[in-house]
């Protein structure tokens, strides 16, 4: 009986050592902070926020992680505030392609050239 118990405990310890942290799905680096800065209208310019989001996309690619939902949409909004409507439309289309559930909102933003009414 004691041997069975010791074998069970030893097996549990060995199996527990094989478990690793799950890999995240998305690269959130900088994204949430940028959205917060956008809504708080901090001293961070839209161009600086655009650079952070572009870096987030590149870092995610390097890590093999997906772009989080909403990042391309937010990047499009930032582009629209700088007057780069063509870049905004491209980002809205990318968001729509990656996350089809966003299609209605992306269509709304594209119809209004990225202006939220």
C-alpha atoms as a PDB file:
ATOM      1  CA  UNK A   1       0.000   0.000   0.000  1.00  0.00           C
ATOM      2  CA  UNK A   2       2.801   2.419   0.904  1.00  0.00           C
ATOM      3  CA  UNK A   3       4.629   1.617  -2.317  1.00  0.00           C
ATOM      4  CA  UNK A   4       1.532   2.407  -4.408  1.00  0.00           C
ATOM      5  CA  UNK A   5       1.093   5.693  -2.620  1.00  0.00           C
ATOM      6  CA  UNK A   6       4.763   6.592  -3.143  1.00  0.00           C
ATOM      7  CA  UNK A   7       4.497   5.685  -6.843  1.00  0.00           C
ATOM      8  CA  UNK A   8       1.382   7.841  -7.243  1.00  0.00           C
ATOM      9  CA  UNK A   9       3.057  10.784  -5.520  1.00  0.00           C
ATOM     10  CA  UNK A  10       6.249  10.355  -7.566  1.00  0.00           C
ATOM     11  CA  UNK A  11       4.218  10.153 -10.779  1.00  0.00           C
ATOM     12  CA  UNK A  12       2.281  13.295  -9.886  1.00  0.00           C
ATOM     13  CA  UNK A  13       5.521  15.157  -9.165  1.00  0.00           C
ATOM     14  CA  UNK A  14       7.049  14.051 -12.468  1.00  0.00           C
ATOM     15  CA  UNK A  15       3.942  14.975 -14.466  1.00  0.00           C
ATOM     16  CA  UNK A  16       3.690  18.345 -12.746  1.00  0.00           C
ATOM     17  CA  UNK A  17       7.253  19.121 -13.814  1.00  0.00           C
ATOM     18  CA  UNK A  18       6.279  18.623 -17.459  1.00  0.00           C
ATOM     19  CA  UNK A  19       3.524  21.215 -17.396  1.00  0.00           C
ATOM     20  CA  UNK A  20       4.506  24.629 -18.727  1.00  0.00           C
ATOM     21  CA  UNK A  21       2.668  27.919 -18.840  1.00  0.00           C
ATOM     22  CA  UNK A  22       0.329  28.115 -21.814  1.00  0.00           C
ATOM     23  CA  UNK A  23       1.457  30.333 -24.652  1.00  0.00           C
ATOM     24  CA  UNK A  24      -0.665  33.490 -24.952  1.00  0.00           C
ATOM     25  CA  UNK A  25      -2.736  33.958 -28.095  1.00  0.00           C
ATOM     26  CA  UNK A  26      -2.123  37.671 -28.552  1.00  0.00           C
ATOM     27  CA  UNK A  27       0.687  40.169 -28.109  1.00  0.00           C
ATOM     28  CA  UNK A  28      -0.786  42.878 -25.882  1.00  0.00           C
ATOM     29  CA  UNK A  29       2.500  44.820 -25.396  1.00  0.00           C
ATOM     30  CA  UNK A  30       1.683  48.514 -25.396  1.00  0.00           C
ATOM     31  CA  UNK A  31      -1.804  48.124 -26.871  1.00  0.00           C
ATOM     32  CA  UNK A  32      -3.830  48.656 -23.708  1.00  0.00           C
ATOM     33  CA  UNK A  33      -1.673  51.593 -22.617  1.00  0.00           C
ATOM     34  CA  UNK A  34      -2.104  53.214 -26.026  1.00  0.00           C
ATOM     35  CA  UNK A  35      -5.890  52.879 -25.912  1.00  0.00           C
ATOM     36  CA  UNK A  36      -5.880  54.405 -22.422  1.00  0.00           C
ATOM     37  CA  UNK A  37      -3.720  57.312 -23.612  1.00  0.00           C
ATOM     38  CA  UNK A  38      -6.044  57.883 -26.564  1.00  0.00           C
ATOM     39  CA  UNK A  39      -9.133  58.194 -24.377  1.00  0.00           C
ATOM     40  CA  UNK A  40      -7.365  60.203 -21.681  1.00  0.00           C
ATOM     41  CA  UNK A  41      -5.970  62.586 -24.315  1.00  0.00           C
ATOM     42  CA  UNK A  42      -2.543  62.515 -22.726  1.00  0.00           C
ATOM     43  CA  UNK A  43       0.531  64.302 -23.990  1.00  0.00           C
ATOM     44  CA  UNK A  44       1.254  61.309 -26.216  1.00  0.00           C
ATOM     45  CA  UNK A  45       0.574  62.338 -29.806  1.00  0.00           C
ATOM     46  CA  UNK A  46      -1.408  60.177 -32.236  1.00  0.00           C
ATOM     47  CA  UNK A  47       1.808  59.623 -34.214  1.00  0.00           C
ATOM     48  CA  UNK A  48       3.588  58.319 -31.102  1.00  0.00           C
ATOM     49  CA  UNK A  49       0.649  56.025 -30.409  1.00  0.00           C
ATOM     50  CA  UNK A  50       0.741  54.795 -34.023  1.00  0.00           C
ATOM     51  CA  UNK A  51       4.413  53.915 -33.627  1.00  0.00           C
ATOM     52  CA  UNK A  52       3.689  51.928 -30.445  1.00  0.00           C
ATOM     53  CA  UNK A  53       0.951  49.938 -32.186  1.00  0.00           C
ATOM     54  CA  UNK A  54       3.103  49.269 -35.262  1.00  0.00           C
ATOM     55  CA  UNK A  55       5.852  48.029 -32.944  1.00  0.00           C
ATOM     56  CA  UNK A  56       3.286  45.831 -31.179  1.00  0.00           C
ATOM     57  CA  UNK A  57       2.379  44.211 -34.509  1.00  0.00           C
ATOM     58  CA  UNK A  58       6.034  43.550 -35.364  1.00  0.00           C
ATOM     59  CA  UNK A  59       6.827  42.206 -31.884  1.00  0.00           C
ATOM     60  CA  UNK A  60       3.826  39.903 -32.071  1.00  0.00           C
ATOM     61  CA  UNK A  61       4.953  38.549 -35.438  1.00  0.00           C
ATOM     62  CA  UNK A  62       8.437  37.913 -34.031  1.00  0.00           C
ATOM     63  CA  UNK A  63       6.946  36.046 -31.061  1.00  0.00           C
ATOM     64  CA  UNK A  64       4.524  34.113 -33.272  1.00  0.00           C
ATOM     65  CA  UNK A  65       1.527  35.751 -31.579  1.00  0.00           C
ATOM     66  CA  UNK A  66      -1.598  37.144 -33.191  1.00  0.00           C
ATOM     67  CA  UNK A  67      -2.564  40.800 -33.205  1.00  0.00           C
ATOM     68  CA  UNK A  68      -5.205  41.352 -30.511  1.00  0.00           C
ATOM     69  CA  UNK A  69      -8.775  42.111 -31.547  1.00  0.00           C
ATOM     70  CA  UNK A  70      -9.308  45.835 -31.990  1.00  0.00           C
ATOM     71  CA  UNK A  71      -5.678  46.806 -32.535  1.00  0.00           C
ATOM     72  CA  UNK A  72      -6.010  47.391 -36.275  1.00  0.00           C
ATOM     73  CA  UNK A  73      -9.296  49.240 -35.702  1.00  0.00           C
ATOM     74  CA  UNK A  74      -7.657  51.500 -33.146  1.00  0.00           C
ATOM     75  CA  UNK A  75      -4.674  52.020 -35.416  1.00  0.00           C
ATOM     76  CA  UNK A  76      -7.134  53.048 -38.143  1.00  0.00           C
ATOM     77  CA  UNK A  77      -8.756  55.557 -35.802  1.00  0.00           C
ATOM     78  CA  UNK A  78      -5.360  57.030 -35.011  1.00  0.00           C
ATOM     79  CA  UNK A  79      -4.524  57.285 -38.711  1.00  0.00           C
ATOM     80  CA  UNK A  80      -7.835  59.046 -39.343  1.00  0.00           C
ATOM     81  CA  UNK A  81      -6.986  61.658 -36.683  1.00  0.00           C
ATOM     82  CA  UNK A  82      -3.748  62.404 -38.517  1.00  0.00           C
ATOM     83  CA  UNK A  83      -5.541  62.743 -41.864  1.00  0.00           C
ATOM     84  CA  UNK A  84      -4.095  59.533 -43.340  1.00  0.00           C
ATOM     85  CA  UNK A  85      -7.499  58.237 -44.471  1.00  0.00           C
ATOM     86  CA  UNK A  86      -6.065  55.697 -46.928  1.00  0.00           C
ATOM     87  CA  UNK A  87      -3.998  54.088 -44.138  1.00  0.00           C
ATOM     88  CA  UNK A  88      -7.033  54.173 -41.839  1.00  0.00           C
ATOM     89  CA  UNK A  89      -9.151  52.338 -44.421  1.00  0.00           C
ATOM     90  CA  UNK A  90      -6.427  49.715 -44.854  1.00  0.00           C
ATOM     91  CA  UNK A  91      -6.357  49.101 -41.088  1.00  0.00           C
ATOM     92  CA  UNK A  92     -10.160  48.876 -40.897  1.00  0.00           C
ATOM     93  CA  UNK A  93     -10.124  46.320 -43.718  1.00  0.00           C
ATOM     94  CA  UNK A  94      -7.389  44.331 -41.952  1.00  0.00           C
ATOM     95  CA  UNK A  95      -9.410  44.312 -38.718  1.00  0.00           C
ATOM     96  CA  UNK A  96     -12.473  43.174 -40.646  1.00  0.00           C
ATOM     97  CA  UNK A  97     -10.516  40.362 -42.337  1.00  0.00           C
ATOM     98  CA  UNK A  98      -8.916  39.131 -39.108  1.00  0.00           C
ATOM     99  CA  UNK A  99     -12.046  39.454 -36.971  1.00  0.00           C
ATOM    100  CA  UNK A 100     -15.180  39.104 -39.116  1.00  0.00           C
ATOM    101  CA  UNK A 101     -17.377  39.821 -36.096  1.00  0.00           C
ATOM    102  CA  UNK A 102     -16.123  43.422 -36.309  1.00  0.00           C
ATOM    103  CA  UNK A 103     -17.467  43.881 -39.864  1.00  0.00           C
ATOM    104  CA  UNK A 104     -20.494  45.994 -38.916  1.00  0.00           C
ATOM    105  CA  UNK A 105     -18.422  48.432 -36.877  1.00  0.00           C
ATOM    106  CA  UNK A 106     -15.605  48.532 -39.446  1.00  0.00           C
ATOM    107  CA  UNK A 107     -18.143  49.258 -42.196  1.00  0.00           C
ATOM    108  CA  UNK A 108     -19.534  52.092 -40.054  1.00  0.00           C
ATOM    109  CA  UNK A 109     -16.048  53.556 -39.545  1.00  0.00           C
ATOM    110  CA  UNK A 110     -15.189  53.226 -43.228  1.00  0.00           C
ATOM    111  CA  UNK A 111     -18.449  54.903 -44.232  1.00  0.00           C
ATOM    112  CA  UNK A 112     -17.649  57.797 -41.884  1.00  0.00           C
ATOM    113  CA  UNK A 113     -13.941  57.956 -42.782  1.00  0.00           C
ATOM    114  CA  UNK A 114     -12.948  56.928 -39.273  1.00  0.00           C
ATOM    115  CA  UNK A 115     -14.918  59.675 -37.550  1.00  0.00           C
ATOM    116  CA  UNK A 116     -16.832  58.529 -34.493  1.00  0.00           C
ATOM    117  CA  UNK A 117     -20.009  60.534 -34.168  1.00  0.00           C
END
